[in-house]
């Protein structure tokens, strides 16, 4: 584990969007504002309950890699750009990671 270290100062944020265009718009806004170094997007099928009814839809997932100190700003910016009344926006601490990778996250995100 010489090239890995346990870091809690980095985080991942998981967001769903209703379609590819919305996911790209949100991802671009976050990366352009340097609230995340990276955004991964991929299509998923979702099944969930909304207001007492089971729903099924196709959505896009966005996973952001960021600094823990930027998570609240990232969530606020996603919320500002998201069309859903109650969007899925959650975060979790990043576990052990390759040191050059987290150094890259630090270099590409806003410093607070």
N, C-alpha and C. Protein backbone atom coordinates (compact mmCIF):
# COMPACT_ATOMS: atom_id res chain seq x y z
N UNK A 1 0.81 -1.20 0.00
CA UNK A 1 0.00 0.00 0.00
C UNK A 1 0.85 1.26 0.00
N UNK A 2 2.03 1.17 -0.51
CA UNK A 2 2.92 2.32 -0.52
C UNK A 2 2.35 3.49 -1.31
N UNK A 3 1.60 3.20 -2.38
CA UNK A 3 1.04 4.27 -3.20
C UNK A 3 -0.39 4.62 -2.81
N UNK A 4 -0.90 4.03 -1.73
CA UNK A 4 -2.25 4.32 -1.29
C UNK A 4 -2.21 4.96 0.08
N UNK A 5 -3.22 5.75 0.37
CA UNK A 5 -3.35 6.26 1.72
C UNK A 5 -4.83 6.45 2.04
N UNK A 6 -5.17 6.37 3.29
CA UNK A 6 -6.56 6.55 3.71
C UNK A 6 -6.82 8.04 3.82
N UNK A 7 -7.79 8.50 3.08
CA UNK A 7 -8.11 9.93 3.08
C UNK A 7 -9.59 10.12 3.36
N UNK A 8 -9.90 10.97 4.27
CA UNK A 8 -11.29 11.33 4.47
C UNK A 8 -11.51 12.76 3.99
N UNK A 9 -10.46 13.35 3.43
CA UNK A 9 -10.62 14.72 2.94
C UNK A 9 -11.11 14.76 1.50
N UNK A 10 -11.42 13.59 0.94
CA UNK A 10 -11.98 13.51 -0.41
C UNK A 10 -13.31 12.77 -0.33
N UNK A 11 -14.15 13.02 -1.32
CA UNK A 11 -15.49 12.43 -1.30
C UNK A 11 -15.95 12.12 -2.72
N UNK A 12 -16.95 11.28 -2.78
CA UNK A 12 -17.64 10.97 -4.03
C UNK A 12 -19.08 11.48 -3.85
N UNK A 13 -19.67 11.97 -4.90
CA UNK A 13 -21.07 12.37 -4.86
C UNK A 13 -21.81 11.61 -5.95
N UNK A 14 -22.95 11.06 -5.60
CA UNK A 14 -23.78 10.25 -6.49
C UNK A 14 -25.05 11.03 -6.77
N UNK A 15 -25.32 11.25 -8.06
CA UNK A 15 -26.46 12.05 -8.48
C UNK A 15 -27.17 11.32 -9.61
N UNK A 16 -28.50 11.35 -9.63
CA UNK A 16 -29.22 10.84 -10.79
C UNK A 16 -29.87 12.01 -11.51
N UNK A 17 -29.97 11.87 -12.83
CA UNK A 17 -30.58 12.90 -13.68
C UNK A 17 -31.57 12.20 -14.61
N UNK A 18 -32.59 12.92 -15.07
CA UNK A 18 -33.63 12.28 -15.87
C UNK A 18 -33.20 11.86 -17.28
N UNK A 19 -32.13 12.43 -17.79
CA UNK A 19 -31.70 12.10 -19.15
C UNK A 19 -30.25 12.51 -19.36
N UNK A 20 -29.67 12.11 -20.50
CA UNK A 20 -28.27 12.39 -20.79
C UNK A 20 -28.00 13.89 -20.86
N UNK A 21 -28.87 14.64 -21.51
CA UNK A 21 -28.63 16.08 -21.67
C UNK A 21 -28.59 16.78 -20.31
N UNK A 22 -29.49 16.43 -19.42
CA UNK A 22 -29.50 17.03 -18.09
C UNK A 22 -28.27 16.61 -17.31
N UNK A 23 -27.89 15.35 -17.41
CA UNK A 23 -26.69 14.87 -16.72
C UNK A 23 -25.46 15.61 -17.20
N UNK A 24 -25.34 15.80 -18.49
CA UNK A 24 -24.19 16.54 -19.04
C UNK A 24 -24.19 17.99 -18.57
N UNK A 25 -25.36 18.61 -18.56
CA UNK A 25 -25.46 20.01 -18.11
C UNK A 25 -25.00 20.13 -16.66
N UNK A 26 -25.48 19.24 -15.81
CA UNK A 26 -25.10 19.27 -14.40
C UNK A 26 -23.61 19.00 -14.25
N UNK A 27 -23.11 17.97 -14.93
CA UNK A 27 -21.69 17.61 -14.83
C UNK A 27 -20.79 18.75 -15.28
N UNK A 28 -21.15 19.37 -16.39
CA UNK A 28 -20.35 20.50 -16.89
C UNK A 28 -20.34 21.66 -15.89
N UNK A 29 -21.49 21.95 -15.31
CA UNK A 29 -21.57 23.05 -14.34
C UNK A 29 -20.66 22.77 -13.15
N UNK A 30 -20.67 21.56 -12.67
CA UNK A 30 -19.86 21.21 -11.49
C UNK A 30 -18.37 21.22 -11.82
N UNK A 31 -17.99 20.61 -12.93
CA UNK A 31 -16.57 20.55 -13.30
C UNK A 31 -16.06 21.94 -13.69
N UNK A 32 -16.87 22.71 -14.42
CA UNK A 32 -16.45 24.06 -14.81
C UNK A 32 -16.24 24.97 -13.61
N UNK A 33 -17.02 24.77 -12.55
CA UNK A 33 -16.88 25.58 -11.34
C UNK A 33 -15.83 24.99 -10.39
N UNK A 34 -15.16 23.94 -10.84
CA UNK A 34 -14.09 23.27 -10.09
C UNK A 34 -14.57 22.74 -8.75
N UNK A 35 -15.86 22.35 -8.71
CA UNK A 35 -16.42 21.73 -7.52
C UNK A 35 -16.16 20.23 -7.51
N UNK A 36 -15.72 19.69 -8.63
CA UNK A 36 -15.29 18.29 -8.74
C UNK A 36 -14.24 18.22 -9.83
N UNK A 37 -13.34 17.28 -9.69
CA UNK A 37 -12.29 17.09 -10.70
C UNK A 37 -12.80 16.26 -11.86
N UNK A 38 -13.80 15.44 -11.60
CA UNK A 38 -14.24 14.47 -12.60
C UNK A 38 -15.71 14.15 -12.40
N UNK A 39 -16.39 13.83 -13.49
CA UNK A 39 -17.76 13.35 -13.43
C UNK A 39 -17.88 12.16 -14.37
N UNK A 40 -18.35 11.05 -13.86
CA UNK A 40 -18.63 9.88 -14.70
C UNK A 40 -20.13 9.80 -14.90
N UNK A 41 -20.57 9.54 -16.13
CA UNK A 41 -21.99 9.44 -16.45
C UNK A 41 -22.27 8.10 -17.10
N UNK A 42 -23.37 7.49 -16.71
CA UNK A 42 -23.80 6.27 -17.38
C UNK A 42 -25.30 6.07 -17.22
N UNK A 43 -25.93 5.38 -18.20
CA UNK A 43 -27.38 5.15 -18.14
C UNK A 43 -27.71 4.02 -17.16
N UNK A 44 -28.85 4.17 -16.50
CA UNK A 44 -29.34 3.15 -15.58
C UNK A 44 -30.86 3.05 -15.70
N UNK A 45 -31.39 1.93 -15.24
CA UNK A 45 -32.83 1.79 -15.07
C UNK A 45 -33.10 1.94 -13.58
N UNK A 46 -34.09 2.73 -13.23
CA UNK A 46 -34.41 2.97 -11.84
C UNK A 46 -35.83 2.52 -11.53
N UNK A 47 -36.01 1.99 -10.34
CA UNK A 47 -37.32 1.62 -9.83
C UNK A 47 -37.40 2.20 -8.42
N UNK A 48 -38.45 2.96 -8.16
CA UNK A 48 -38.56 3.65 -6.88
C UNK A 48 -40.01 3.98 -6.59
N UNK A 49 -40.28 4.34 -5.35
CA UNK A 49 -41.61 4.78 -4.97
C UNK A 49 -41.60 6.31 -4.90
N UNK A 50 -42.60 6.91 -5.47
CA UNK A 50 -42.74 8.36 -5.43
C UNK A 50 -44.20 8.67 -5.17
N UNK A 51 -44.45 9.28 -4.02
CA UNK A 51 -45.81 9.66 -3.62
C UNK A 51 -46.76 8.46 -3.66
N UNK A 52 -46.27 7.34 -3.12
CA UNK A 52 -47.10 6.15 -2.98
C UNK A 52 -47.24 5.28 -4.21
N UNK A 53 -46.57 5.64 -5.29
CA UNK A 53 -46.69 4.88 -6.55
C UNK A 53 -45.31 4.37 -6.95
N UNK A 54 -45.25 3.10 -7.35
CA UNK A 54 -43.99 2.56 -7.86
C UNK A 54 -43.76 3.12 -9.25
N UNK A 55 -42.58 3.68 -9.44
CA UNK A 55 -42.19 4.26 -10.73
C UNK A 55 -41.03 3.46 -11.30
N UNK A 56 -40.94 3.42 -12.60
CA UNK A 56 -39.79 2.84 -13.30
C UNK A 56 -39.38 3.82 -14.39
N UNK A 57 -38.09 4.09 -14.46
CA UNK A 57 -37.64 5.05 -15.46
C UNK A 57 -36.20 4.77 -15.86
N UNK A 58 -35.83 5.35 -16.95
CA UNK A 58 -34.43 5.34 -17.38
C UNK A 58 -33.85 6.69 -16.96
N UNK A 59 -32.69 6.64 -16.34
CA UNK A 59 -32.04 7.85 -15.85
C UNK A 59 -30.56 7.78 -16.18
N UNK A 60 -29.85 8.83 -15.83
CA UNK A 60 -28.40 8.84 -15.91
C UNK A 60 -27.83 9.08 -14.53
N UNK A 61 -26.81 8.31 -14.19
CA UNK A 61 -26.09 8.49 -12.94
C UNK A 61 -24.87 9.35 -13.21
N UNK A 62 -24.58 10.24 -12.29
CA UNK A 62 -23.34 11.03 -12.32
C UNK A 62 -22.61 10.74 -11.01
N UNK A 63 -21.34 10.36 -11.11
CA UNK A 63 -20.52 10.21 -9.92
C UNK A 63 -19.39 11.23 -10.02
N UNK A 64 -19.34 12.09 -9.01
CA UNK A 64 -18.33 13.13 -8.96
C UNK A 64 -17.23 12.74 -7.98
N UNK A 65 -15.98 13.12 -8.31
CA UNK A 65 -14.85 12.98 -7.40
C UNK A 65 -14.43 14.37 -6.98
N UNK A 66 -14.37 14.60 -5.66
CA UNK A 66 -14.15 15.95 -5.18
C UNK A 66 -13.45 15.96 -3.82
N UNK A 67 -13.24 17.16 -3.31
CA UNK A 67 -12.74 17.34 -1.94
C UNK A 67 -13.95 17.32 -1.01
N UNK A 68 -13.77 16.77 0.17
CA UNK A 68 -14.86 16.77 1.15
C UNK A 68 -15.31 18.19 1.48
N UNK A 69 -14.39 19.13 1.48
CA UNK A 69 -14.73 20.51 1.81
C UNK A 69 -15.61 21.19 0.77
N UNK A 70 -15.73 20.58 -0.42
CA UNK A 70 -16.54 21.17 -1.49
C UNK A 70 -17.91 20.52 -1.63
N UNK A 71 -18.18 19.49 -0.86
CA UNK A 71 -19.42 18.72 -1.04
C UNK A 71 -20.66 19.57 -0.87
N UNK A 72 -20.73 20.39 0.14
CA UNK A 72 -21.93 21.22 0.34
C UNK A 72 -22.17 22.17 -0.82
N UNK A 73 -21.12 22.77 -1.33
CA UNK A 73 -21.25 23.65 -2.50
C UNK A 73 -21.66 22.86 -3.73
N UNK A 74 -21.09 21.66 -3.90
CA UNK A 74 -21.44 20.80 -5.03
C UNK A 74 -22.93 20.45 -4.97
N UNK A 75 -23.40 20.04 -3.80
CA UNK A 75 -24.82 19.69 -3.65
C UNK A 75 -25.71 20.89 -3.99
N UNK A 76 -25.37 22.06 -3.51
CA UNK A 76 -26.17 23.26 -3.79
C UNK A 76 -26.20 23.57 -5.29
N UNK A 77 -25.06 23.42 -5.95
CA UNK A 77 -25.00 23.70 -7.39
C UNK A 77 -25.77 22.65 -8.20
N UNK A 78 -25.67 21.39 -7.81
CA UNK A 78 -26.47 20.35 -8.49
C UNK A 78 -27.94 20.68 -8.32
N UNK A 79 -28.34 21.01 -7.10
CA UNK A 79 -29.75 21.33 -6.82
C UNK A 79 -30.23 22.49 -7.68
N UNK A 80 -29.39 23.50 -7.83
CA UNK A 80 -29.74 24.67 -8.64
C UNK A 80 -29.96 24.30 -10.11
N UNK A 81 -29.25 23.29 -10.59
CA UNK A 81 -29.31 22.90 -12.00
C UNK A 81 -30.23 21.70 -12.28
N UNK A 82 -30.82 21.13 -11.23
CA UNK A 82 -31.59 19.89 -11.39
C UNK A 82 -33.07 20.17 -11.54
N UNK A 83 -33.75 19.50 -12.49
CA UNK A 83 -35.17 19.77 -12.71
C UNK A 83 -36.12 19.06 -11.74
N UNK A 84 -35.67 18.04 -11.02
CA UNK A 84 -36.58 17.29 -10.15
C UNK A 84 -36.87 18.03 -8.85
N UNK A 85 -38.05 17.80 -8.33
CA UNK A 85 -38.46 18.40 -7.06
C UNK A 85 -37.57 17.89 -5.91
N UNK A 86 -37.30 16.60 -5.92
CA UNK A 86 -36.45 15.98 -4.89
C UNK A 86 -35.42 15.09 -5.59
N UNK A 87 -34.33 15.68 -6.06
CA UNK A 87 -33.34 14.88 -6.77
C UNK A 87 -32.50 14.02 -5.83
N UNK A 88 -31.98 12.93 -6.38
CA UNK A 88 -31.04 12.09 -5.64
C UNK A 88 -29.67 12.77 -5.71
N UNK A 89 -29.22 13.27 -4.58
CA UNK A 89 -27.89 13.86 -4.45
C UNK A 89 -27.36 13.39 -3.11
N UNK A 90 -26.42 12.45 -3.14
CA UNK A 90 -25.85 11.92 -1.91
C UNK A 90 -24.33 11.91 -2.04
N UNK A 91 -23.66 11.90 -0.90
CA UNK A 91 -22.20 11.85 -0.94
C UNK A 91 -21.71 10.85 0.09
N UNK A 92 -20.48 10.43 -0.09
CA UNK A 92 -19.86 9.53 0.86
C UNK A 92 -18.36 9.76 0.84
N UNK A 93 -17.69 9.51 1.98
CA UNK A 93 -16.25 9.73 2.04
C UNK A 93 -15.52 8.76 1.10
N UNK A 94 -14.46 9.22 0.53
CA UNK A 94 -13.63 8.38 -0.31
C UNK A 94 -12.70 7.58 0.60
N UNK A 95 -12.62 6.30 0.37
CA UNK A 95 -11.74 5.44 1.15
C UNK A 95 -10.32 5.52 0.63
N UNK A 96 -9.53 4.48 0.91
CA UNK A 96 -8.15 4.45 0.45
C UNK A 96 -8.09 4.68 -1.07
N UNK A 97 -7.12 5.48 -1.48
CA UNK A 97 -7.01 5.84 -2.90
C UNK A 97 -5.55 5.99 -3.29
N UNK A 98 -5.30 5.86 -4.54
CA UNK A 98 -3.96 6.06 -5.08
C UNK A 98 -3.55 7.51 -4.86
N UNK A 99 -2.41 7.73 -4.24
CA UNK A 99 -1.97 9.09 -3.91
C UNK A 99 -1.94 10.00 -5.14
N UNK A 100 -1.38 9.61 -6.28
CA UNK A 100 -1.39 10.53 -7.43
C UNK A 100 -2.81 10.89 -7.89
N UNK A 101 -3.77 9.98 -7.68
CA UNK A 101 -5.15 10.28 -8.08
C UNK A 101 -5.74 11.38 -7.19
N UNK A 102 -5.60 11.24 -5.88
CA UNK A 102 -6.16 12.28 -5.01
C UNK A 102 -5.38 13.58 -5.12
N UNK A 103 -4.09 13.50 -5.43
CA UNK A 103 -3.33 14.72 -5.70
C UNK A 103 -3.91 15.44 -6.92
N UNK A 104 -4.30 14.66 -7.92
CA UNK A 104 -4.93 15.22 -9.12
C UNK A 104 -6.26 15.88 -8.77
N UNK A 105 -7.07 15.23 -7.93
CA UNK A 105 -8.33 15.83 -7.49
C UNK A 105 -8.05 17.18 -6.82
N UNK A 106 -7.03 17.20 -5.95
CA UNK A 106 -6.68 18.44 -5.27
C UNK A 106 -6.28 19.54 -6.27
N UNK A 107 -5.52 19.15 -7.28
CA UNK A 107 -5.03 20.13 -8.26
C UNK A 107 -6.15 20.69 -9.13
N UNK A 108 -7.19 19.90 -9.37
CA UNK A 108 -8.24 20.28 -10.31
C UNK A 108 -9.51 20.83 -9.68
N UNK A 109 -9.52 20.94 -8.37
CA UNK A 109 -10.71 21.47 -7.70
C UNK A 109 -10.38 22.78 -6.99
N UNK A 110 -11.42 23.52 -6.68
CA UNK A 110 -11.27 24.82 -6.02
C UNK A 110 -10.72 24.62 -4.62
N UNK A 111 -9.86 25.52 -4.20
CA UNK A 111 -9.31 25.48 -2.85
C UNK A 111 -10.13 26.37 -1.96
N UNK A 112 -10.44 25.90 -0.77
CA UNK A 112 -11.22 26.69 0.19
C UNK A 112 -10.36 27.11 1.32
